[in-house]
């Protein structure tokens, strides 16, 4: 599901702020680049803490946020659910 466009601004249907520029219904390339840097930095921090590389499932979820298909709140909620499910599956 893509953002609706009105005067080149995102309507927060999926939680993308009104001040994020959109192009053809998507967030701007600059915003995408900024989000990619955030995710890369978080991945680097995880590896440096000895927690290993992110899973493919998390990478897919991150890509949804990077491209503006889900909000940060939705990313956080889905990430928390993934962690909870992972812990429960291991009986802890």
PDB file of N, CA and C in Angstrom:
ATOM      1  N   UNK A   1       0.843  -1.169   0.000  1.00  0.00           N
ATOM      2  CA  UNK A   1       0.000   0.000   0.000  1.00  0.00           C
ATOM      3  C   UNK A   1       0.896   1.244   0.000  1.00  0.00           C
ATOM      4  N   UNK A   2       0.667   2.156  -0.893  1.00  0.00           N
ATOM      5  CA  UNK A   2       1.499   3.336  -1.010  1.00  0.00           C
ATOM      6  C   UNK A   2       0.782   4.552  -0.436  1.00  0.00           C
ATOM      7  N   UNK A   3       1.574   5.566  -0.107  1.00  0.00           N
ATOM      8  CA  UNK A   3       1.025   6.811   0.398  1.00  0.00           C
ATOM      9  C   UNK A   3       0.230   7.519  -0.695  1.00  0.00           C
ATOM     10  N   UNK A   4      -0.842   8.192  -0.319  1.00  0.00           N
ATOM     11  CA  UNK A   4      -1.559   9.054  -1.235  1.00  0.00           C
ATOM     12  C   UNK A   4      -0.768  10.346  -1.353  1.00  0.00           C
ATOM     13  N   UNK A   5      -0.900  11.006  -2.487  1.00  0.00           N
ATOM     14  CA  UNK A   5      -0.119  12.217  -2.704  1.00  0.00           C
ATOM     15  C   UNK A   5      -1.048  13.424  -2.804  1.00  0.00           C
ATOM     16  N   UNK A   6      -0.687  14.474  -2.103  1.00  0.00           N
ATOM     17  CA  UNK A   6      -1.403  15.734  -2.172  1.00  0.00           C
ATOM     18  C   UNK A   6      -0.361  16.844  -2.111  1.00  0.00           C
ATOM     19  N   UNK A   7      -0.190  17.572  -3.223  1.00  0.00           N
ATOM     20  CA  UNK A   7       0.777  18.668  -3.275  1.00  0.00           C
ATOM     21  C   UNK A   7       2.178  18.202  -2.866  1.00  0.00           C
ATOM     22  N   UNK A   8       2.576  17.026  -3.299  1.00  0.00           N
ATOM     23  CA  UNK A   8       3.901  16.467  -3.038  1.00  0.00           C
ATOM     24  C   UNK A   8       4.210  16.289  -1.559  1.00  0.00           C
ATOM     25  N   UNK A   9       3.211  16.093  -0.755  1.00  0.00           N
ATOM     26  CA  UNK A   9       3.405  15.799   0.665  1.00  0.00           C
ATOM     27  C   UNK A   9       2.657  14.506   0.974  1.00  0.00           C
ATOM     28  N   UNK A  10       3.204  13.719   1.885  1.00  0.00           N
ATOM     29  CA  UNK A  10       2.568  12.454   2.251  1.00  0.00           C
ATOM     30  C   UNK A  10       1.398  12.710   3.185  1.00  0.00           C
ATOM     31  N   UNK A  11       0.303  12.058   2.943  1.00  0.00           N
ATOM     32  CA  UNK A  11      -0.812  12.052   3.873  1.00  0.00           C
ATOM     33  C   UNK A  11      -0.532  10.908   4.837  1.00  0.00           C
ATOM     34  N   UNK A  12      -0.593  11.125   6.135  1.00  0.00           N
ATOM     35  CA  UNK A  12      -0.152  10.105   7.087  1.00  0.00           C
ATOM     36  C   UNK A  12      -1.106   8.915   7.222  1.00  0.00           C
ATOM     37  N   UNK A  13      -1.501   8.335   6.090  1.00  0.00           N
ATOM     38  CA  UNK A  13      -2.340   7.150   6.105  1.00  0.00           C
ATOM     39  C   UNK A  13      -1.616   6.012   6.802  1.00  0.00           C
ATOM     40  N   UNK A  14      -0.308   5.896   6.553  1.00  0.00           N
ATOM     41  CA  UNK A  14       0.488   4.836   7.147  1.00  0.00           C
ATOM     42  C   UNK A  14       1.469   5.363   8.174  1.00  0.00           C
ATOM     43  N   UNK A  15       1.284   6.603   8.603  1.00  0.00           N
ATOM     44  CA  UNK A  15       2.142   7.138   9.628  1.00  0.00           C
ATOM     45  C   UNK A  15       3.346   7.915   9.132  1.00  0.00           C
ATOM     46  N   UNK A  16       3.450   8.174   7.831  1.00  0.00           N
ATOM     47  CA  UNK A  16       4.550   8.974   7.319  1.00  0.00           C
ATOM     48  C   UNK A  16       4.220  10.431   7.601  1.00  0.00           C
ATOM     49  N   UNK A  17       5.133  11.189   8.211  1.00  0.00           N
ATOM     50  CA  UNK A  17       4.846  12.580   8.555  1.00  0.00           C
ATOM     51  C   UNK A  17       4.482  13.419   7.338  1.00  0.00           C
ATOM     52  N   UNK A  18       3.669  14.446   7.569  1.00  0.00           N
ATOM     53  CA  UNK A  18       3.242  15.326   6.492  1.00  0.00           C
ATOM     54  C   UNK A  18       4.419  16.068   5.859  1.00  0.00           C
ATOM     55  N   UNK A  19       5.514  16.275   6.578  1.00  0.00           N
ATOM     56  CA  UNK A  19       6.623  17.048   6.037  1.00  0.00           C
ATOM     57  C   UNK A  19       7.614  16.221   5.233  1.00  0.00           C
ATOM     58  N   UNK A  20       7.338  14.942   5.029  1.00  0.00           N
ATOM     59  CA  UNK A  20       8.222  14.102   4.222  1.00  0.00           C
ATOM     60  C   UNK A  20       7.802  14.231   2.763  1.00  0.00           C
ATOM     61  N   UNK A  21       8.728  14.670   1.924  1.00  0.00           N
ATOM     62  CA  UNK A  21       8.424  14.809   0.498  1.00  0.00           C
ATOM     63  C   UNK A  21       8.153  13.451  -0.125  1.00  0.00           C
ATOM     64  N   UNK A  22       7.240  13.422  -1.083  1.00  0.00           N
ATOM     65  CA  UNK A  22       6.932  12.180  -1.778  1.00  0.00           C
ATOM     66  C   UNK A  22       7.091  12.381  -3.277  1.00  0.00           C
ATOM     67  N   UNK A  23       7.439  11.304  -3.964  1.00  0.00           N
ATOM     68  CA  UNK A  23       7.563  11.322  -5.414  1.00  0.00           C
ATOM     69  C   UNK A  23       6.754  10.146  -5.932  1.00  0.00           C
ATOM     70  N   UNK A  24       5.761  10.421  -6.748  1.00  0.00           N
ATOM     71  CA  UNK A  24       4.892   9.369  -7.275  1.00  0.00           C
ATOM     72  C   UNK A  24       4.340   8.477  -6.166  1.00  0.00           C
ATOM     73  N   UNK A  25       3.969   9.094  -5.060  1.00  0.00           N
ATOM     74  CA  UNK A  25       3.368   8.333  -3.977  1.00  0.00           C
ATOM     75  C   UNK A  25       4.359   7.722  -3.020  1.00  0.00           C
ATOM     76  N   UNK A  26       5.650   7.935  -3.227  1.00  0.00           N
ATOM     77  CA  UNK A  26       6.658   7.372  -2.341  1.00  0.00           C
ATOM     78  C   UNK A  26       7.401   8.494  -1.637  1.00  0.00           C
ATOM     79  N   UNK A  27       8.074   8.185  -0.542  1.00  0.00           N
ATOM     80  CA  UNK A  27       8.870   9.204   0.140  1.00  0.00           C
ATOM     81  C   UNK A  27      10.092   9.553  -0.705  1.00  0.00           C
ATOM     82  N   UNK A  28      10.686  10.692  -0.423  1.00  0.00           N
ATOM     83  CA  UNK A  28      11.780  11.200  -1.262  1.00  0.00           C
ATOM     84  C   UNK A  28      13.016  10.302  -1.179  1.00  0.00           C
ATOM     85  N   UNK A  29      13.837  10.343  -2.226  1.00  0.00           N
ATOM     86  CA  UNK A  29      15.095   9.586  -2.203  1.00  0.00           C
ATOM     87  C   UNK A  29      15.997  10.005  -1.043  1.00  0.00           C
ATOM     88  N   UNK A  30      15.987  11.289  -0.684  1.00  0.00           N
ATOM     89  CA  UNK A  30      16.802  11.744   0.448  1.00  0.00           C
ATOM     90  C   UNK A  30      16.339  11.109   1.752  1.00  0.00           C
ATOM     91  N   UNK A  31      15.021  11.013   1.936  1.00  0.00           N
ATOM     92  CA  UNK A  31      14.486  10.393   3.153  1.00  0.00           C
ATOM     93  C   UNK A  31      14.796   8.896   3.165  1.00  0.00           C
ATOM     94  N   UNK A  32      14.700   8.254   2.020  1.00  0.00           N
ATOM     95  CA  UNK A  32      15.038   6.831   1.928  1.00  0.00           C
ATOM     96  C   UNK A  32      16.503   6.627   2.287  1.00  0.00           C
ATOM     97  N   UNK A  33      17.387   7.477   1.770  1.00  0.00           N
ATOM     98  CA  UNK A  33      18.820   7.372   2.074  1.00  0.00           C
ATOM     99  C   UNK A  33      19.064   7.576   3.567  1.00  0.00           C
ATOM    100  N   UNK A  34      18.370   8.554   4.164  1.00  0.00           N
ATOM    101  CA  UNK A  34      18.513   8.810   5.596  1.00  0.00           C
ATOM    102  C   UNK A  34      18.094   7.586   6.402  1.00  0.00           C
ATOM    103  N   UNK A  35      16.976   6.980   6.009  1.00  0.00           N
ATOM    104  CA  UNK A  35      16.494   5.795   6.724  1.00  0.00           C
ATOM    105  C   UNK A  35      17.432   4.605   6.535  1.00  0.00           C
ATOM    106  N   UNK A  36      18.004   4.451   5.348  1.00  0.00           N
ATOM    107  CA  UNK A  36      18.961   3.361   5.119  1.00  0.00           C
ATOM    108  C   UNK A  36      20.178   3.509   6.035  1.00  0.00           C
ATOM    109  N   UNK A  37      20.638   4.745   6.222  1.00  0.00           N
ATOM    110  CA  UNK A  37      21.766   4.987   7.117  1.00  0.00           C
ATOM    111  C   UNK A  37      21.406   4.626   8.553  1.00  0.00           C
ATOM    112  N   UNK A  38      20.198   4.952   8.972  1.00  0.00           N
ATOM    113  CA  UNK A  38      19.751   4.619  10.324  1.00  0.00           C
ATOM    114  C   UNK A  38      19.763   3.114  10.529  1.00  0.00           C
ATOM    115  N   UNK A  39      19.213   2.373   9.561  1.00  0.00           N
ATOM    116  CA  UNK A  39      19.152   0.912   9.671  1.00  0.00           C
ATOM    117  C   UNK A  39      20.555   0.320   9.633  1.00  0.00           C
ATOM    118  N   UNK A  40      21.414   0.836   8.758  1.00  0.00           N
ATOM    119  CA  UNK A  40      22.792   0.329   8.666  1.00  0.00           C
ATOM    120  C   UNK A  40      23.542   0.568   9.978  1.00  0.00           C
ATOM    121  N   UNK A  41      23.349   1.726  10.565  1.00  0.00           N
ATOM    122  CA  UNK A  41      24.005   2.040  11.839  1.00  0.00           C
ATOM    123  C   UNK A  41      23.502   1.116  12.947  1.00  0.00           C
ATOM    124  N   UNK A  42      22.204   0.852  12.973  1.00  0.00           N
ATOM    125  CA  UNK A  42      21.644  -0.058  13.979  1.00  0.00           C
ATOM    126  C   UNK A  42      22.185  -1.475  13.786  1.00  0.00           C
ATOM    127  N   UNK A  43      22.276  -1.919  12.541  1.00  0.00           N
ATOM    128  CA  UNK A  43      22.823  -3.254  12.253  1.00  0.00           C
ATOM    129  C   UNK A  43      24.281  -3.342  12.700  1.00  0.00           C
ATOM    130  N   UNK A  44      25.060  -2.295  12.411  1.00  0.00           N
ATOM    131  CA  UNK A  44      26.467  -2.258  12.817  1.00  0.00           C
ATOM    132  C   UNK A  44      26.573  -2.335  14.336  1.00  0.00           C
ATOM    133  N   UNK A  45      25.741  -1.569  15.035  1.00  0.00           N
ATOM    134  CA  UNK A  45      25.768  -1.574  16.502  1.00  0.00           C
ATOM    135  C   UNK A  45      25.450  -2.962  17.051  1.00  0.00           C
ATOM    136  N   UNK A  46      24.481  -3.638  16.444  1.00  0.00           N
ATOM    137  CA  UNK A  46      24.121  -4.987  16.888  1.00  0.00           C
ATOM    138  C   UNK A  46      25.310  -5.938  16.742  1.00  0.00           C
ATOM    139  N   UNK A  47      25.988  -5.861  15.599  1.00  0.00           N
ATOM    140  CA  UNK A  47      27.146  -6.731  15.373  1.00  0.00           C
ATOM    141  C   UNK A  47      28.269  -6.413  16.348  1.00  0.00           C
ATOM    142  N   UNK A  48      28.494  -5.141  16.613  1.00  0.00           N
ATOM    143  CA  UNK A  48      29.561  -4.742  17.536  1.00  0.00           C
ATOM    144  C   UNK A  48      29.261  -5.172  18.972  1.00  0.00           C
ATOM    145  N   UNK A  49      28.006  -5.284  19.307  1.00  0.00           N
ATOM    146  CA  UNK A  49      27.614  -5.751  20.639  1.00  0.00           C
ATOM    147  C   UNK A  49      27.654  -7.275  20.729  1.00  0.00           C
ATOM    148  N   UNK A  50      27.990  -7.935  19.623  1.00  0.00           N
ATOM    149  CA  UNK A  50      28.079  -9.387  19.617  1.00  0.00           C
ATOM    150  C   UNK A  50      26.737 -10.074  19.445  1.00  0.00           C
ATOM    151  N   UNK A  51      25.737  -9.334  18.956  1.00  0.00           N
ATOM    152  CA  UNK A  51      24.401  -9.910  18.804  1.00  0.00           C
ATOM    153  C   UNK A  51      24.158 -10.494  17.417  1.00  0.00           C
ATOM    154  N   UNK A  52      25.144 -10.416  16.568  1.00  0.00           N
ATOM    155  CA  UNK A  52      25.041 -11.027  15.245  1.00  0.00           C
ATOM    156  C   UNK A  52      24.319 -10.156  14.238  1.00  0.00           C
ATOM    157  N   UNK A  53      24.168 -10.712  13.044  1.00  0.00           N
ATOM    158  CA  UNK A  53      23.522 -10.011  11.937  1.00  0.00           C
ATOM    159  C   UNK A  53      22.011 -10.157  12.055  1.00  0.00           C
ATOM    160  N   UNK A  54      21.294  -9.161  11.573  1.00  0.00           N
ATOM    161  CA  UNK A  54      19.836  -9.213  11.581  1.00  0.00           C
ATOM    162  C   UNK A  54      19.343 -10.355  10.691  1.00  0.00           C
ATOM    163  N   UNK A  55      18.149 -10.834  10.975  1.00  0.00           N
ATOM    164  CA  UNK A  55      17.547 -11.893  10.178  1.00  0.00           C
ATOM    165  C   UNK A  55      16.991 -11.324   8.877  1.00  0.00           C
ATOM    166  N   UNK A  56      16.756 -12.192   7.931  1.00  0.00           N
ATOM    167  CA  UNK A  56      16.126 -11.780   6.676  1.00  0.00           C
ATOM    168  C   UNK A  56      14.741 -11.202   6.908  1.00  0.00           C
ATOM    169  N   UNK A  57      14.031 -11.757   7.877  1.00  0.00           N
ATOM    170  CA  UNK A  57      12.696 -11.255   8.204  1.00  0.00           C
ATOM    171  C   UNK A  57      12.769  -9.802   8.689  1.00  0.00           C
ATOM    172  N   UNK A  58      13.760  -9.499   9.528  1.00  0.00           N
ATOM    173  CA  UNK A  58      13.926  -8.128  10.005  1.00  0.00           C
ATOM    174  C   UNK A  58      14.366  -7.206   8.870  1.00  0.00           C
ATOM    175  N   UNK A  59      15.228  -7.709   7.985  1.00  0.00           N
ATOM    176  CA  UNK A  59      15.650  -6.907   6.833  1.00  0.00           C
ATOM    177  C   UNK A  59      14.449  -6.531   5.969  1.00  0.00           C
ATOM    178  N   UNK A  60      13.557  -7.490   5.744  1.00  0.00           N
ATOM    179  CA  UNK A  60      12.344  -7.224   4.960  1.00  0.00           C
ATOM    180  C   UNK A  60      11.466  -6.195   5.652  1.00  0.00           C
ATOM    181  N   UNK A  61      11.324  -6.318   6.954  1.00  0.00           N
ATOM    182  CA  UNK A  61      10.531  -5.381   7.736  1.00  0.00           C
ATOM    183  C   UNK A  61      11.156  -3.985   7.689  1.00  0.00           C
ATOM    184  N   UNK A  62      12.463  -3.912   7.828  1.00  0.00           N
ATOM    185  CA  UNK A  62      13.161  -2.626   7.754  1.00  0.00           C
ATOM    186  C   UNK A  62      12.944  -1.960   6.401  1.00  0.00           C
ATOM    187  N   UNK A  63      12.952  -2.754   5.344  1.00  0.00           N
ATOM    188  CA  UNK A  63      12.757  -2.210   4.002  1.00  0.00           C
ATOM    189  C   UNK A  63      11.372  -1.571   3.859  1.00  0.00           C
ATOM    190  N   UNK A  64      10.366  -2.150   4.522  1.00  0.00           N
ATOM    191  CA  UNK A  64       9.034  -1.545   4.491  1.00  0.00           C
ATOM    192  C   UNK A  64       9.056  -0.155   5.117  1.00  0.00           C
ATOM    193  N   UNK A  65       9.795  -0.002   6.214  1.00  0.00           N
ATOM    194  CA  UNK A  65       9.895   1.311   6.851  1.00  0.00           C
ATOM    195  C   UNK A  65      10.740   2.270   6.017  1.00  0.00           C
ATOM    196  N   UNK A  66      11.851   1.770   5.502  1.00  0.00           N
ATOM    197  CA  UNK A  66      12.746   2.598   4.700  1.00  0.00           C
ATOM    198  C   UNK A  66      11.997   3.216   3.528  1.00  0.00           C
ATOM    199  N   UNK A  67      11.150   2.454   2.877  1.00  0.00           N
ATOM    200  CA  UNK A  67      10.425   2.926   1.700  1.00  0.00           C
ATOM    201  C   UNK A  67       9.104   3.598   2.041  1.00  0.00           C
ATOM    202  N   UNK A  68       8.807   3.752   3.323  1.00  0.00           N
ATOM    203  CA  UNK A  68       7.615   4.479   3.735  1.00  0.00           C
ATOM    204  C   UNK A  68       6.324   3.698   3.667  1.00  0.00           C
ATOM    205  N   UNK A  69       6.408   2.382   3.576  1.00  0.00           N
ATOM    206  CA  UNK A  69       5.198   1.574   3.499  1.00  0.00           C
ATOM    207  C   UNK A  69       4.587   1.305   4.865  1.00  0.00           C
ATOM    208  N   UNK A  70       5.392   1.439   5.926  1.00  0.00           N
ATOM    209  CA  UNK A  70       4.877   1.352   7.288  1.00  0.00           C
ATOM    210  C   UNK A  70       5.496   2.483   8.102  1.00  0.00           C
ATOM    211  N   UNK A  71       4.835   2.853   9.178  1.00  0.00           N
ATOM    212  CA  UNK A  71       5.331   3.916  10.047  1.00  0.00           C
ATOM    213  C   UNK A  71       6.402   3.369  10.985  1.00  0.00           C
ATOM    214  N   UNK A  72       7.088   4.289  11.657  1.00  0.00           N
ATOM    215  CA  UNK A  72       8.088   3.895  12.654  1.00  0.00           C
ATOM    216  C   UNK A  72       7.408   3.152  13.793  1.00  0.00           C
ATOM    217  N   UNK A  73       6.228   3.603  14.192  1.00  0.00           N
ATOM    218  CA  UNK A  73       5.491   2.923  15.254  1.00  0.00           C
ATOM    219  C   UNK A  73       5.145   1.489  14.849  1.00  0.00           C
ATOM    220  N   UNK A  74       4.747   1.306  13.596  1.00  0.00           N
ATOM    221  CA  UNK A  74       4.441  -0.042  13.101  1.00  0.00           C
ATOM    222  C   UNK A  74       5.705  -0.896  13.052  1.00  0.00           C
ATOM    223  N   UNK A  75       6.825  -0.313  12.614  1.00  0.00           N
ATOM    224  CA  UNK A  75       8.103  -1.033  12.612  1.00  0.00           C
ATOM    225  C   UNK A  75       8.442  -1.494  14.020  1.00  0.00           C
ATOM    226  N   UNK A  76       8.333  -0.578  14.979  1.00  0.00           N
ATOM    227  CA  UNK A  76       8.652  -0.923  16.369  1.00  0.00           C
ATOM    228  C   UNK A  76       7.734  -2.013  16.908  1.00  0.00           C
ATOM    229  N   UNK A  77       6.443  -1.915  16.610  1.00  0.00           N
ATOM    230  CA  UNK A  77       5.483  -2.916  17.089  1.00  0.00           C
ATOM    231  C   UNK A  77       5.769  -4.290  16.480  1.00  0.00           C
ATOM    232  N   UNK A  78       6.035  -4.318  15.186  1.00  0.00           N
ATOM    233  CA  UNK A  78       6.320  -5.603  14.523  1.00  0.00           C
ATOM    234  C   UNK A  78       7.644  -6.190  15.007  1.00  0.00           C
ATOM    235  N   UNK A  79       8.633  -5.322  15.248  1.00  0.00           N
ATOM    236  CA  UNK A  79       9.920  -5.787  15.753  1.00  0.00           C
ATOM    237  C   UNK A  79       9.751  -6.392  17.145  1.00  0.00           C
ATOM    238  N   UNK A  80       9.005  -5.714  18.006  1.00  0.00           N
ATOM    239  CA  UNK A  80       8.759  -6.234  19.356  1.00  0.00           C
ATOM    240  C   UNK A  80       8.049  -7.585  19.294  1.00  0.00           C
ATOM    241  N   UNK A  81       7.093  -7.718  18.380  1.00  0.00           N
ATOM    242  CA  UNK A  81       6.386  -9.002  18.226  1.00  0.00           C
ATOM    243  C   UNK A  81       7.338 -10.095  17.749  1.00  0.00           C
ATOM    244  N   UNK A  82       8.236  -9.755  16.810  1.00  0.00           N
ATOM    245  CA  UNK A  82       9.208 -10.746  16.337  1.00  0.00           C
ATOM    246  C   UNK A  82      10.096 -11.227  17.470  1.00  0.00           C
ATOM    247  N   UNK A  83      10.549 -10.305  18.308  1.00  0.00           N
ATOM    248  CA  UNK A  83      11.412 -10.666  19.435  1.00  0.00           C
ATOM    249  C   UNK A  83      10.637 -11.535  20.426  1.00  0.00           C
ATOM    250  N   UNK A  84       9.421 -11.141  20.737  1.00  0.00           N
ATOM    251  CA  UNK A  84       8.585 -11.912  21.667  1.00  0.00           C
ATOM    252  C   UNK A  84       8.330 -13.316  21.134  1.00  0.00           C
ATOM    253  N   UNK A  85       7.991 -13.411  19.853  1.00  0.00           N
ATOM    254  CA  UNK A  85       7.749 -14.726  19.244  1.00  0.00           C
ATOM    255  C   UNK A  85       9.013 -15.586  19.271  1.00  0.00           C
ATOM    256  N   UNK A  86      10.164 -14.976  19.022  1.00  0.00           N
ATOM    257  CA  UNK A  86      11.442 -15.684  19.041  1.00  0.00           C
ATOM    258  C   UNK A  86      11.705 -16.254  20.431  1.00  0.00           C
ATOM    259  N   UNK A  87      11.489 -15.434  21.451  1.00  0.00           N
ATOM    260  CA  UNK A  87      11.722 -15.879  22.834  1.00  0.00           C
ATOM    261  C   UNK A  87      10.751 -16.985  23.214  1.00  0.00           C
ATOM    262  N   UNK A  88       9.483 -16.817  22.872  1.00  0.00           N
ATOM    263  CA  UNK A  88       8.470 -17.842  23.204  1.00  0.00           C
ATOM    264  C   UNK A  88       8.758 -19.166  22.505  1.00  0.00           C
ATOM    265  N   UNK A  89       9.243 -19.096  21.277  1.00  0.00           N
ATOM    266  CA  UNK A  89       9.531 -20.320  20.502  1.00  0.00           C
ATOM    267  C   UNK A  89      10.670 -21.114  21.142  1.00  0.00           C
ATOM    268  N   UNK A  90      11.490 -20.450  21.915  1.00  0.00           N
ATOM    269  CA  UNK A  90      12.607 -21.124  22.575  1.00  0.00           C
ATOM    270  C   UNK A  90      12.302 -21.471  24.014  1.00  0.00           C
ATOM    271  N   UNK A  91      11.044 -21.262  24.439  1.00  0.00           N
ATOM    272  CA  UNK A  91      10.606 -21.686  25.755  1.00  0.00           C
ATOM    273  C   UNK A  91      11.083 -20.838  26.903  1.00  0.00           C
ATOM    274  N   UNK A  92      11.320 -19.573  26.670  1.00  0.00           N
ATOM    275  CA  UNK A  92      11.802 -18.698  27.748  1.00  0.00           C
ATOM    276  C   UNK A  92      10.734 -17.735  28.157  1.00  0.00           C
TER     277      UNK A  92
END
